[in-house]
N, C-alpha and C. Protein backbone atom coordinates (compact mmCIF):
# COMPACT_ATOMS: atom_id res chain seq x y z
N MET A 1 22.72 -3.24 7.70
CA MET A 1 22.47 -3.10 6.54
C MET A 1 21.59 -4.18 6.03
N ASN A 2 20.78 -4.42 5.80
CA ASN A 2 20.22 -5.74 5.21
C ASN A 2 20.35 -5.94 4.07
N LYS A 3 21.03 -7.22 3.83
CA LYS A 3 21.75 -8.03 2.86
C LYS A 3 20.29 -8.38 1.93
N ILE A 4 18.95 -8.58 2.24
CA ILE A 4 18.02 -9.24 1.47
C ILE A 4 17.13 -8.07 0.81
N SER A 5 16.29 -7.93 -0.13
CA SER A 5 15.97 -6.83 -1.00
C SER A 5 14.76 -7.79 -1.44
N PHE A 6 14.26 -7.10 -1.35
CA PHE A 6 12.71 -7.39 -2.40
C PHE A 6 11.85 -6.36 -2.91
N GLU A 7 12.78 -5.44 -3.38
CA GLU A 7 12.33 -4.37 -3.99
C GLU A 7 11.91 -4.79 -5.27
N ASN A 8 10.52 -4.51 -5.45
CA ASN A 8 10.22 -4.79 -7.08
C ASN A 8 10.13 -5.97 -7.76
N VAL A 9 9.87 -6.88 -6.32
CA VAL A 9 9.98 -8.33 -6.88
C VAL A 9 8.07 -8.84 -7.11
N GLY A 10 7.99 -8.67 -8.26
CA GLY A 10 6.78 -9.55 -8.56
C GLY A 10 6.11 -8.63 -8.96
N SER A 11 6.02 -7.27 -9.20
CA SER A 11 5.79 -5.58 -9.25
C SER A 11 4.73 -5.91 -10.16
N LEU A 12 3.28 -5.74 -9.94
CA LEU A 12 2.59 -5.49 -11.20
C LEU A 12 1.56 -4.37 -10.75
N MET A 13 1.65 -3.53 -11.83
CA MET A 13 1.02 -1.94 -11.93
C MET A 13 -0.08 -2.22 -13.06
N ALA A 14 -1.07 -1.16 -12.50
CA ALA A 14 -1.90 -0.92 -13.20
C ALA A 14 -2.46 0.66 -13.30
N THR A 15 -2.79 1.05 -14.57
CA THR A 15 -2.82 2.78 -14.40
C THR A 15 -4.49 2.47 -14.57
N PHE A 16 -4.81 3.62 -13.57
CA PHE A 16 -6.39 4.04 -13.09
C PHE A 16 -6.35 5.83 -13.04
N PHE A 17 -7.52 6.20 -13.27
CA PHE A 17 -7.99 7.56 -12.86
C PHE A 17 -7.40 7.78 -11.55
N ALA A 18 -6.75 8.86 -11.17
CA ALA A 18 -6.97 9.00 -10.05
C ALA A 18 -7.50 10.43 -9.29
N GLN A 19 -7.88 10.15 -8.29
CA GLN A 19 -8.91 11.46 -7.61
C GLN A 19 -7.95 12.72 -6.89
N GLU A 20 -8.56 13.56 -6.51
CA GLU A 20 -7.70 14.51 -6.04
C GLU A 20 -7.17 14.36 -4.98
N GLY A 21 -6.39 14.26 -4.21
CA GLY A 21 -5.55 13.73 -3.04
C GLY A 21 -5.11 12.68 -3.18
N VAL A 22 -4.69 11.63 -4.08
CA VAL A 22 -3.77 10.48 -4.47
C VAL A 22 -2.39 11.37 -4.37
N GLU A 23 -1.14 10.69 -3.58
CA GLU A 23 -0.03 10.58 -3.88
C GLU A 23 0.77 9.89 -4.09
N ASP A 24 2.07 9.80 -4.31
CA ASP A 24 3.14 9.06 -4.46
C ASP A 24 3.26 7.99 -3.22
N GLY A 25 3.52 6.81 -3.55
CA GLY A 25 3.44 6.14 -2.14
C GLY A 25 2.24 5.50 -1.48
N GLN A 26 1.10 6.24 -1.32
CA GLN A 26 0.11 6.06 -0.33
C GLN A 26 -0.68 4.66 -0.92
N ALA A 27 -1.47 4.34 0.16
CA ALA A 27 -2.07 3.22 -0.09
C ALA A 27 -3.25 4.13 -0.48
N VAL A 28 -4.05 3.05 -1.57
CA VAL A 28 -5.68 4.02 -2.11
C VAL A 28 -6.36 2.52 -2.55
N LYS A 29 -7.72 2.94 -2.30
CA LYS A 29 -9.08 2.43 -2.67
C LYS A 29 -9.59 2.59 -4.02
N MET A 30 -10.14 1.92 -4.37
CA MET A 30 -11.47 1.95 -5.56
C MET A 30 -12.46 2.79 -5.42
N THR A 31 -12.83 4.07 -5.58
CA THR A 31 -13.79 4.96 -5.54
C THR A 31 -14.77 4.96 -6.64
N ALA A 32 -14.74 4.12 -7.90
CA ALA A 32 -15.08 4.25 -8.69
C ALA A 32 -14.79 3.83 -9.91
N ASN A 33 -15.19 3.35 -10.91
CA ASN A 33 -14.99 2.50 -12.06
C ASN A 33 -13.47 3.09 -12.64
N ALA A 34 -12.61 2.03 -12.55
CA ALA A 34 -11.35 2.78 -13.14
C ALA A 34 -10.79 3.45 -12.51
N THR A 35 -11.49 4.13 -10.96
CA THR A 35 -10.56 5.26 -10.12
C THR A 35 -10.14 5.00 -8.76
N VAL A 36 -9.29 5.24 -8.67
CA VAL A 36 -8.83 5.10 -7.35
C VAL A 36 -8.65 6.35 -6.43
N GLY A 37 -8.74 6.50 -5.05
CA GLY A 37 -8.53 7.77 -4.25
C GLY A 37 -7.99 7.35 -2.95
N PRO A 38 -7.80 8.29 -2.19
CA PRO A 38 -7.23 8.08 -0.82
C PRO A 38 -8.11 7.54 -0.08
N CYS A 39 -7.54 6.96 0.95
CA CYS A 39 -8.21 6.30 1.90
C CYS A 39 -8.37 6.68 3.23
N GLU A 40 -9.42 6.62 4.32
CA GLU A 40 -9.49 6.73 5.62
C GLU A 40 -8.92 5.66 6.44
N ALA A 41 -8.65 5.71 7.52
CA ALA A 41 -8.52 4.84 8.39
C ALA A 41 -9.31 3.59 8.25
N GLY A 42 -9.25 2.41 8.23
CA GLY A 42 -9.81 1.08 8.25
C GLY A 42 -10.43 0.75 7.01
N ASP A 43 -10.08 1.74 5.98
CA ASP A 43 -10.32 1.10 4.73
C ASP A 43 -9.70 0.21 4.13
N THR A 44 -10.35 -0.55 3.12
CA THR A 44 -9.94 -1.35 2.36
C THR A 44 -9.41 -1.37 1.40
N PHE A 45 -7.91 -1.04 1.47
CA PHE A 45 -7.26 -0.58 0.15
C PHE A 45 -6.55 -1.55 -1.10
N CYS A 46 -6.68 -1.02 -2.53
CA CYS A 46 -6.57 -1.89 -3.56
C CYS A 46 -4.91 -2.21 -3.93
N GLY A 47 -4.15 -1.24 -3.38
CA GLY A 47 -2.85 -1.17 -3.88
C GLY A 47 -2.19 0.11 -3.24
N VAL A 48 -1.02 0.56 -4.04
CA VAL A 48 -0.20 1.62 -3.33
C VAL A 48 0.21 2.49 -4.73
N ALA A 49 0.20 3.43 -4.79
CA ALA A 49 -0.15 4.34 -6.07
C ALA A 49 1.26 5.16 -5.97
N GLY A 50 1.74 5.36 -7.47
CA GLY A 50 3.03 5.79 -7.96
C GLY A 50 2.71 7.15 -7.62
N MET A 51 3.34 7.95 -9.06
CA MET A 51 3.47 9.63 -8.96
C MET A 51 2.18 9.70 -9.82
N PRO A 52 1.09 10.68 -9.05
CA PRO A 52 -0.25 10.92 -10.38
C PRO A 52 0.37 11.98 -11.07
N ARG A 53 -0.04 11.62 -12.46
CA ARG A 53 0.33 12.58 -13.92
C ARG A 53 -1.11 12.68 -14.67
N ASN A 54 -1.10 14.26 -14.66
CA ASN A 54 -2.21 14.37 -15.90
C ASN A 54 -3.56 13.66 -15.71
N GLY A 55 -4.06 13.51 -14.01
CA GLY A 55 -5.37 12.88 -13.57
C GLY A 55 -5.49 11.01 -14.03
N ALA A 56 -4.29 10.70 -14.18
CA ALA A 56 -4.07 9.39 -13.93
C ALA A 56 -2.83 8.86 -12.97
N VAL A 57 -2.62 7.35 -12.58
CA VAL A 57 -1.85 7.09 -11.52
C VAL A 57 -1.84 5.28 -11.88
N ALA A 58 -0.12 5.14 -11.99
CA ALA A 58 -0.02 3.59 -11.81
C ALA A 58 -0.07 3.33 -10.25
N VAL A 59 -0.80 1.99 -10.18
CA VAL A 59 -0.76 1.60 -8.85
C VAL A 59 -0.22 0.43 -8.79
N GLN A 60 0.24 -0.01 -8.00
CA GLN A 60 0.96 -1.46 -7.62
C GLN A 60 -0.12 -2.28 -6.82
N VAL A 61 -0.71 -2.92 -7.64
CA VAL A 61 -1.20 -4.20 -7.31
C VAL A 61 -0.93 -5.48 -6.63
N GLY A 62 0.28 -6.17 -7.38
CA GLY A 62 0.65 -6.97 -7.06
C GLY A 62 2.27 -6.97 -6.69
N GLY A 63 2.74 -7.87 -5.69
CA GLY A 63 4.39 -7.68 -5.55
C GLY A 63 4.77 -7.38 -4.41
N PHE A 64 6.18 -7.11 -4.25
CA PHE A 64 6.71 -6.75 -2.90
C PHE A 64 6.38 -5.24 -2.72
N VAL A 65 6.25 -4.69 -1.72
CA VAL A 65 6.12 -3.22 -1.96
C VAL A 65 6.25 -2.68 -0.65
N LYS A 66 7.29 -1.22 -0.62
CA LYS A 66 7.54 -0.60 1.22
C LYS A 66 6.43 0.28 1.42
N VAL A 67 6.04 0.26 2.52
CA VAL A 67 4.94 1.32 2.54
C VAL A 67 4.70 1.81 4.16
N PRO A 68 4.64 3.07 3.88
CA PRO A 68 4.58 3.48 5.46
C PRO A 68 3.34 2.79 6.25
N ALA A 69 4.10 2.46 7.53
CA ALA A 69 3.05 1.70 8.26
C ALA A 69 2.74 2.26 10.05
N THR A 70 1.40 1.64 10.21
CA THR A 70 1.64 1.93 11.78
C THR A 70 1.65 0.84 12.49
N MET A 71 2.40 0.80 13.48
CA MET A 71 2.93 -0.09 14.38
C MET A 71 2.06 -0.24 15.68
N PRO A 72 1.84 -1.45 16.27
CA PRO A 72 2.29 -2.39 15.70
C PRO A 72 2.19 -3.41 14.43
N LEU A 73 2.65 -4.08 14.03
CA LEU A 73 2.65 -4.64 12.92
C LEU A 73 3.85 -5.74 12.89
N SER A 74 3.51 -6.98 12.54
CA SER A 74 4.12 -8.28 12.51
C SER A 74 4.46 -8.84 11.41
N VAL A 75 5.60 -9.70 10.92
CA VAL A 75 5.93 -10.23 10.22
C VAL A 75 4.96 -11.62 9.65
N GLY A 76 4.51 -12.20 8.72
CA GLY A 76 3.62 -12.93 8.55
C GLY A 76 2.57 -12.58 8.10
N LYS A 77 1.45 -13.80 7.68
CA LYS A 77 0.29 -13.21 6.97
C LYS A 77 -0.55 -12.67 7.86
N VAL A 78 -1.30 -11.14 7.23
CA VAL A 78 -1.61 -10.47 8.25
C VAL A 78 -2.61 -9.31 7.51
N SER A 79 -3.94 -9.59 8.16
CA SER A 79 -4.94 -8.56 7.66
C SER A 79 -4.49 -7.18 7.66
N LEU A 80 -4.36 -6.62 6.44
CA LEU A 80 -4.40 -4.99 6.85
C LEU A 80 -4.97 -4.19 5.79
N VAL A 81 -5.53 -2.79 6.63
CA VAL A 81 -6.23 -2.00 6.01
C VAL A 81 -5.79 -0.60 6.10
N ALA A 82 -6.13 0.23 5.39
CA ALA A 82 -5.54 2.01 5.24
C ALA A 82 -5.47 2.44 6.51
N ASP A 83 -4.40 2.76 7.08
CA ASP A 83 -4.16 3.92 8.57
C ASP A 83 -4.94 5.32 8.31
N GLY A 84 -5.38 5.71 7.28
CA GLY A 84 -5.89 7.07 7.08
C GLY A 84 -4.83 7.95 7.04
N ASN A 85 -3.77 7.31 6.89
CA ASN A 85 -2.33 8.47 6.47
C ASN A 85 -1.79 8.06 5.57
N GLY A 86 -2.15 7.53 4.48
CA GLY A 86 -1.89 7.04 3.30
C GLY A 86 -0.71 5.57 3.97
N GLY A 87 -0.88 4.90 5.01
CA GLY A 87 -0.13 4.04 4.70
C GLY A 87 -1.08 2.64 5.19
N VAL A 88 -0.92 1.55 5.90
CA VAL A 88 -1.43 0.33 6.46
C VAL A 88 -0.97 -0.11 7.56
N MET A 89 -2.09 -0.31 8.41
CA MET A 89 -1.74 -1.07 9.74
C MET A 89 -2.95 -2.25 9.87
N ALA A 90 -2.13 -3.53 10.80
CA ALA A 90 -3.17 -4.63 10.58
C ALA A 90 -4.91 -3.74 11.00
N GLY A 91 -5.76 -5.04 10.78
CA GLY A 91 -7.17 -4.26 11.15
C GLY A 91 -7.81 -5.74 9.99
N GLU A 92 -9.03 -5.59 10.97
CA GLU A 92 -9.76 -6.85 10.66
C GLU A 92 -10.37 -6.57 9.33
N ASN A 93 -10.95 -7.88 8.57
CA ASN A 93 -11.72 -6.95 7.09
C ASN A 93 -10.78 -6.38 6.13
N GLY A 94 -9.62 -6.72 6.33
CA GLY A 94 -8.81 -6.00 5.07
C GLY A 94 -8.00 -7.18 4.48
N ILE A 95 -7.07 -6.70 3.64
CA ILE A 95 -6.65 -7.62 2.64
C ILE A 95 -5.75 -8.61 3.33
N THR A 96 -5.36 -10.13 3.29
CA THR A 96 -4.25 -10.53 3.59
C THR A 96 -3.38 -10.20 2.55
N ALA A 97 -1.93 -10.00 3.47
CA ALA A 97 -0.56 -9.49 2.53
C ALA A 97 0.18 -10.12 3.99
N LEU A 98 1.15 -10.65 2.70
CA LEU A 98 2.68 -11.41 3.28
C LEU A 98 3.63 -10.00 4.12
N VAL A 99 3.82 -9.62 5.47
CA VAL A 99 4.38 -8.68 5.63
C VAL A 99 5.68 -9.64 5.82
N VAL A 100 7.07 -8.96 5.52
CA VAL A 100 8.25 -9.80 5.39
C VAL A 100 9.27 -9.18 5.92
N ASP A 101 8.99 -7.76 6.36
CA ASP A 101 10.34 -7.08 6.94
C ASP A 101 9.56 -5.35 7.58
N VAL A 102 9.45 -5.60 8.69
CA VAL A 102 8.96 -4.45 9.81
C VAL A 102 10.21 -3.68 10.28
N ASP A 103 10.11 -2.42 9.71
CA ASP A 103 11.33 -1.27 10.47
C ASP A 103 10.30 -0.36 11.42
N THR A 104 10.25 -0.68 12.63
CA THR A 104 9.66 0.10 13.83
C THR A 104 10.42 1.58 14.07
N VAL A 105 11.74 1.64 13.73
CA VAL A 105 12.21 2.95 13.57
C VAL A 105 12.11 4.09 12.27
N ALA A 106 11.90 3.60 11.19
CA ALA A 106 11.00 3.93 9.97
C ALA A 106 9.82 4.12 9.89
N ASN A 107 8.96 3.05 11.00
CA ASN A 107 7.55 2.99 10.65
C ASN A 107 6.81 2.74 9.02
N THR A 108 8.14 2.05 8.52
CA THR A 108 7.62 1.15 7.06
C THR A 108 7.67 -0.44 7.43
N ALA A 109 6.66 -0.96 6.50
CA ALA A 109 6.70 -2.33 5.89
C ALA A 109 6.63 -3.07 4.70
N VAL A 110 7.75 -3.62 4.57
CA VAL A 110 7.52 -4.19 3.17
C VAL A 110 6.72 -5.64 3.47
N ILE A 111 5.70 -5.28 2.00
CA ILE A 111 4.38 -6.14 2.24
C ILE A 111 4.56 -7.18 0.86
N CYS A 112 3.54 -8.15 0.47
CA CYS A 112 3.74 -8.39 -1.03
C CYS A 112 2.32 -8.60 -0.76
N LEU A 113 1.79 -7.55 -1.76
CA LEU A 113 0.01 -7.97 -2.21
C LEU A 113 -0.15 -8.84 -2.45
């Protein structure tokens, strides 16, 4: 059991309109003014969606968050892009995020946006 927790540290949320297909916990991208949608593999994502409600969704755009991740992924400052399955992966021309924890069994990572 990990004795260090980054859960919700520095969490910054913003509300957006949600396109169809946006799901809780997935990486999302900007698709129009004040609107987010699901990402395809290689897309630059803007944050991690919460639970969509009534056509809107809170998106975490800052702070530490656990995300699904495609391996391999390492700790440190990493360029991340969407993996096309709701998570993130290492990739060129993505956002630079601090990866502080990688779980290769659960295929998740804790990142700081």
